């Protein structure tokens, strides 16, 4: 049972408790006819059910703490940096991950060690589980050639890297396979991603990632 199903059950139980309480209260009022009691109970309980759902979504949407409690080890919202080597050449980059109750989106770009952007990408699917691991599809564009590629990335999220019970993981490894044009079938076998903590803006993140290189 996932978190959303648990929330559904909790709201349903609260609504059923309300129905029982209201019905008991109205049944003591002899001047209210049974049909009227039934109408009042149904209408108010439906309204309460919808109100609780709207309130829950509203609260979680505005609180990363509640969102972290909801998603737990799959709470990935934030800025992540990565690095990997291909034929001895280092590549760096940034993932910007947006997340709410039901969806996740990733945008970002890759850089060379000097901080020059060499590719940019965006997710084109939701994260899905396949054979026990999380995967997501990307559209990727090479900055030099303008060639478009697609990539399937497998995320190995380190659940034990959560610093506390309301935060998400801070470390994951990613394997990507590229599809399209000259890089078809290429594998980026070991991307190391770390969540950016603190209040640094993106320019400061890039400078830190590139070792102080001037953009």
Protein backbone atom coordinates (compact mmCIF):
# COMPACT_ATOMS: atom_id res chain seq x y z
CA UNK A 1 0.00 0.00 0.00
CA UNK A 2 1.52 3.33 -1.07
CA UNK A 3 1.32 6.63 0.80
CA UNK A 4 -1.52 8.01 -1.33
CA UNK A 5 -3.68 4.96 -0.60
CA UNK A 6 -2.99 5.38 3.13
CA UNK A 7 -4.08 9.03 2.94
CA UNK A 8 -7.26 7.97 1.12
CA UNK A 9 -8.08 5.47 3.86
CA UNK A 10 -7.38 8.00 6.63
CA UNK A 11 -9.69 10.60 5.03
CA UNK A 12 -12.35 7.95 4.42
CA UNK A 13 -12.20 6.83 8.06
CA UNK A 14 -12.51 10.44 9.21
CA UNK A 15 -15.55 10.89 6.95
CA UNK A 16 -17.19 7.68 8.20
CA UNK A 17 -16.65 8.80 11.80
CA UNK A 18 -18.28 12.12 10.93
CA UNK A 19 -21.26 10.34 9.32
CA UNK A 20 -21.80 8.22 12.44
CA UNK A 21 -21.54 11.24 14.74
CA UNK A 22 -23.85 13.45 12.67
CA UNK A 23 -26.40 10.69 12.19
CA UNK A 24 -26.43 10.03 15.93
CA UNK A 25 -26.86 13.75 16.67
CA UNK A 26 -29.68 14.24 14.15
CA UNK A 27 -31.51 11.10 15.27
CA UNK A 28 -32.07 12.75 18.66
CA UNK A 29 -33.90 15.63 17.00
CA UNK A 30 -37.42 14.30 16.62
CA UNK A 31 -38.58 17.36 14.69
CA UNK A 32 -36.24 16.46 11.77
CA UNK A 33 -37.69 13.86 9.43
CA UNK A 34 -35.59 10.78 8.51
CA UNK A 35 -35.38 11.85 4.85
CA UNK A 36 -34.10 15.29 5.84
CA UNK A 37 -31.56 13.72 8.21
CA UNK A 38 -30.34 11.49 5.39
CA UNK A 39 -29.98 14.44 2.98
CA UNK A 40 -28.10 16.52 5.56
CA UNK A 41 -25.75 13.64 6.40
CA UNK A 42 -24.95 12.79 2.78
CA UNK A 43 -24.40 16.36 1.61
CA UNK A 44 -22.24 17.39 4.56
CA UNK A 45 -20.17 14.18 4.50
CA UNK A 46 -19.45 14.58 0.78
CA UNK A 47 -18.46 18.17 1.41
CA UNK A 48 -16.21 17.14 4.29
CA UNK A 49 -14.52 14.44 2.20
CA UNK A 50 -13.72 16.91 -0.56
CA UNK A 51 -12.63 19.57 1.92
CA UNK A 52 -10.20 17.20 3.65
CA UNK A 53 -8.67 16.24 0.29
CA UNK A 54 -8.29 19.87 -0.80
CA UNK A 55 -6.83 20.82 2.58
CA UNK A 56 -4.36 17.94 2.48
CA UNK A 57 -3.14 18.84 -1.04
CA UNK A 58 -2.94 22.53 -0.11
CA UNK A 59 -0.86 21.87 3.00
CA UNK A 60 1.55 19.43 1.38
CA UNK A 61 2.01 21.63 -1.70
CA UNK A 62 3.21 24.46 0.53
CA UNK A 63 5.45 22.48 2.87
CA UNK A 64 8.58 20.59 1.86
CA UNK A 65 8.57 19.00 5.31
CA UNK A 66 5.13 17.44 4.71
CA UNK A 67 6.14 16.52 1.15
CA UNK A 68 9.24 14.81 2.54
CA UNK A 69 7.12 12.91 5.06
CA UNK A 70 4.81 11.83 2.25
CA UNK A 71 7.46 10.64 -0.25
CA UNK A 72 10.15 9.63 2.28
CA UNK A 73 12.99 7.86 0.42
CA UNK A 74 11.60 9.08 -2.91
CA UNK A 75 11.55 12.76 -1.92
CA UNK A 76 13.98 14.15 -4.51
CA UNK A 77 12.86 17.77 -4.88
CA UNK A 78 15.76 20.20 -5.09
CA UNK A 79 19.00 20.83 -6.96
CA UNK A 80 21.42 17.97 -7.50
CA UNK A 81 24.92 17.99 -8.96
CA UNK A 82 26.58 15.11 -10.78
CA UNK A 83 29.87 14.09 -12.28
CA UNK A 84 31.16 11.18 -14.36
CA UNK A 85 34.13 10.29 -16.58
CA UNK A 86 34.08 9.23 -20.23
CA UNK A 87 37.42 8.11 -21.72
CA UNK A 88 39.25 9.99 -18.99
CA UNK A 89 37.33 13.24 -19.59
CA UNK A 90 35.32 14.59 -16.70
CA UNK A 91 31.73 15.74 -17.20
CA UNK A 92 29.69 17.68 -14.68
CA UNK A 93 26.12 18.85 -14.49
CA UNK A 94 23.06 19.90 -12.58
CA UNK A 95 19.64 18.32 -12.14
CA UNK A 96 16.75 20.55 -11.07
CA UNK A 97 14.06 18.28 -9.68
CA UNK A 98 10.51 19.52 -9.18
CA UNK A 99 8.09 17.31 -7.28
CA UNK A 100 4.60 17.36 -5.86
CA UNK A 101 2.25 14.70 -4.54
CA UNK A 102 1.69 12.89 -7.82
CA UNK A 103 4.40 13.91 -10.27
CA UNK A 104 8.08 14.61 -10.74
CA UNK A 105 9.94 16.62 -13.39
CA UNK A 106 13.66 16.98 -14.04
CA UNK A 107 15.48 19.61 -16.08
CA UNK A 108 19.17 20.33 -16.20
CA UNK A 109 22.35 20.63 -18.17
CA UNK A 110 25.77 19.06 -18.51
CA UNK A 111 29.07 20.96 -18.44
CA UNK A 112 32.74 20.48 -19.12
CA UNK A 113 35.20 21.14 -16.24
CA UNK A 114 35.42 24.83 -17.22
CA UNK A 115 31.68 25.28 -16.69
CA UNK A 116 30.73 25.47 -20.38
CA UNK A 117 27.34 23.88 -21.08
CA UNK A 118 27.62 20.96 -23.49
CA UNK A 119 24.09 19.52 -23.25
CA UNK A 120 20.71 20.19 -21.74
CA UNK A 121 17.87 17.83 -20.97
CA UNK A 122 14.38 17.44 -19.54
CA UNK A 123 12.34 14.50 -18.36
CA UNK A 124 9.58 13.29 -20.67
CA UNK A 125 8.05 10.66 -18.41
CA UNK A 126 7.18 10.14 -14.79
CA UNK A 127 9.48 8.04 -12.67
CA UNK A 128 8.41 4.41 -12.88
CA UNK A 129 9.50 1.24 -11.15
CA UNK A 130 10.95 -1.53 -13.29
CA UNK A 131 12.24 -4.76 -11.77
CA UNK A 132 12.76 -3.16 -8.39
CA UNK A 133 14.54 0.02 -9.52
CA UNK A 134 13.34 3.50 -10.49
CA UNK A 135 13.66 4.65 -14.11
CA UNK A 136 12.80 7.82 -16.03
CA UNK A 137 13.02 8.93 -19.67
CA UNK A 138 14.78 12.10 -20.85
CA UNK A 139 14.99 14.20 -24.00
CA UNK A 140 18.57 15.48 -24.39
CA UNK A 141 20.07 18.02 -26.80
CA UNK A 142 23.77 18.34 -27.59
CA UNK A 143 24.73 22.01 -27.41
CA UNK A 144 27.44 21.86 -30.10
CA UNK A 145 25.71 19.84 -32.80
CA UNK A 146 22.10 20.51 -31.87
CA UNK A 147 21.39 16.78 -32.15
CA UNK A 148 18.51 15.48 -30.08
CA UNK A 149 18.73 12.24 -28.17
CA UNK A 150 16.61 10.26 -25.81
CA UNK A 151 17.91 8.63 -22.68
CA UNK A 152 16.63 6.15 -20.15
CA UNK A 153 18.11 6.68 -16.72
CA UNK A 154 18.06 4.16 -13.90
CA UNK A 155 18.14 5.72 -10.45
CA UNK A 156 19.71 3.90 -7.53
CA UNK A 157 18.50 6.05 -4.65
CA UNK A 158 20.35 5.65 -1.37
CA UNK A 159 17.52 5.65 1.16
CA UNK A 160 20.02 5.51 4.04
CA UNK A 161 21.44 8.90 3.06
CA UNK A 162 18.35 10.64 4.48
CA UNK A 163 19.70 12.99 7.19
CA UNK A 164 16.42 12.98 9.15
CA UNK A 165 12.88 11.57 9.06
CA UNK A 166 11.33 14.45 7.09
CA UNK A 167 14.08 14.85 4.48
CA UNK A 168 14.77 12.94 1.31
CA UNK A 169 17.96 11.13 0.34
CA UNK A 170 21.06 13.20 -0.40
CA UNK A 171 22.91 10.68 -2.60
CA UNK A 172 22.09 8.48 -5.57
CA UNK A 173 23.85 6.76 -8.45
CA UNK A 174 22.45 6.87 -11.97
CA UNK A 175 23.07 4.81 -15.08
CA UNK A 176 21.90 6.24 -18.42
CA UNK A 177 21.57 4.73 -21.89
CA UNK A 178 21.38 7.12 -24.86
CA UNK A 179 19.25 6.54 -27.97
CA UNK A 180 19.51 8.42 -31.26
CA UNK A 181 22.19 9.77 -33.63
CA UNK A 182 25.87 8.96 -33.17
CA UNK A 183 25.60 8.28 -29.44
CA UNK A 184 22.94 5.60 -29.80
CA UNK A 185 23.62 2.83 -27.31
CA UNK A 186 26.20 4.84 -25.37
CA UNK A 187 26.15 4.27 -21.66
CA UNK A 188 26.97 6.71 -18.92
CA UNK A 189 27.56 3.95 -16.46
CA UNK A 190 28.21 5.71 -13.20
CA UNK A 191 26.81 9.16 -12.52
CA UNK A 192 27.21 10.26 -8.91
CA UNK A 193 24.48 12.68 -7.82
CA UNK A 194 24.46 14.65 -4.59
CA UNK A 195 21.72 16.91 -3.35
CA UNK A 196 22.78 20.54 -2.85
CA UNK A 197 22.23 21.59 0.75
CA UNK A 198 22.19 25.13 2.08
CA UNK A 199 21.24 28.43 0.48
CA UNK A 200 23.66 28.66 -2.48
CA UNK A 201 22.24 30.06 -5.70
CA UNK A 202 22.86 28.24 -8.97
CA UNK A 203 25.81 30.42 -10.00
CA UNK A 204 27.54 29.58 -6.72
CA UNK A 205 26.73 25.89 -7.19
CA UNK A 206 28.27 25.86 -10.66
CA UNK A 207 31.37 27.71 -9.47
CA UNK A 208 31.81 25.29 -6.59
CA UNK A 209 31.26 22.29 -8.84
CA UNK A 210 33.85 23.51 -11.36
CA UNK A 211 36.44 24.33 -8.73
CA UNK A 212 36.11 28.09 -9.02
CA UNK A 213 36.27 28.18 -12.82
CA UNK A 214 35.03 31.47 -14.32
CA UNK A 215 31.83 31.02 -16.28
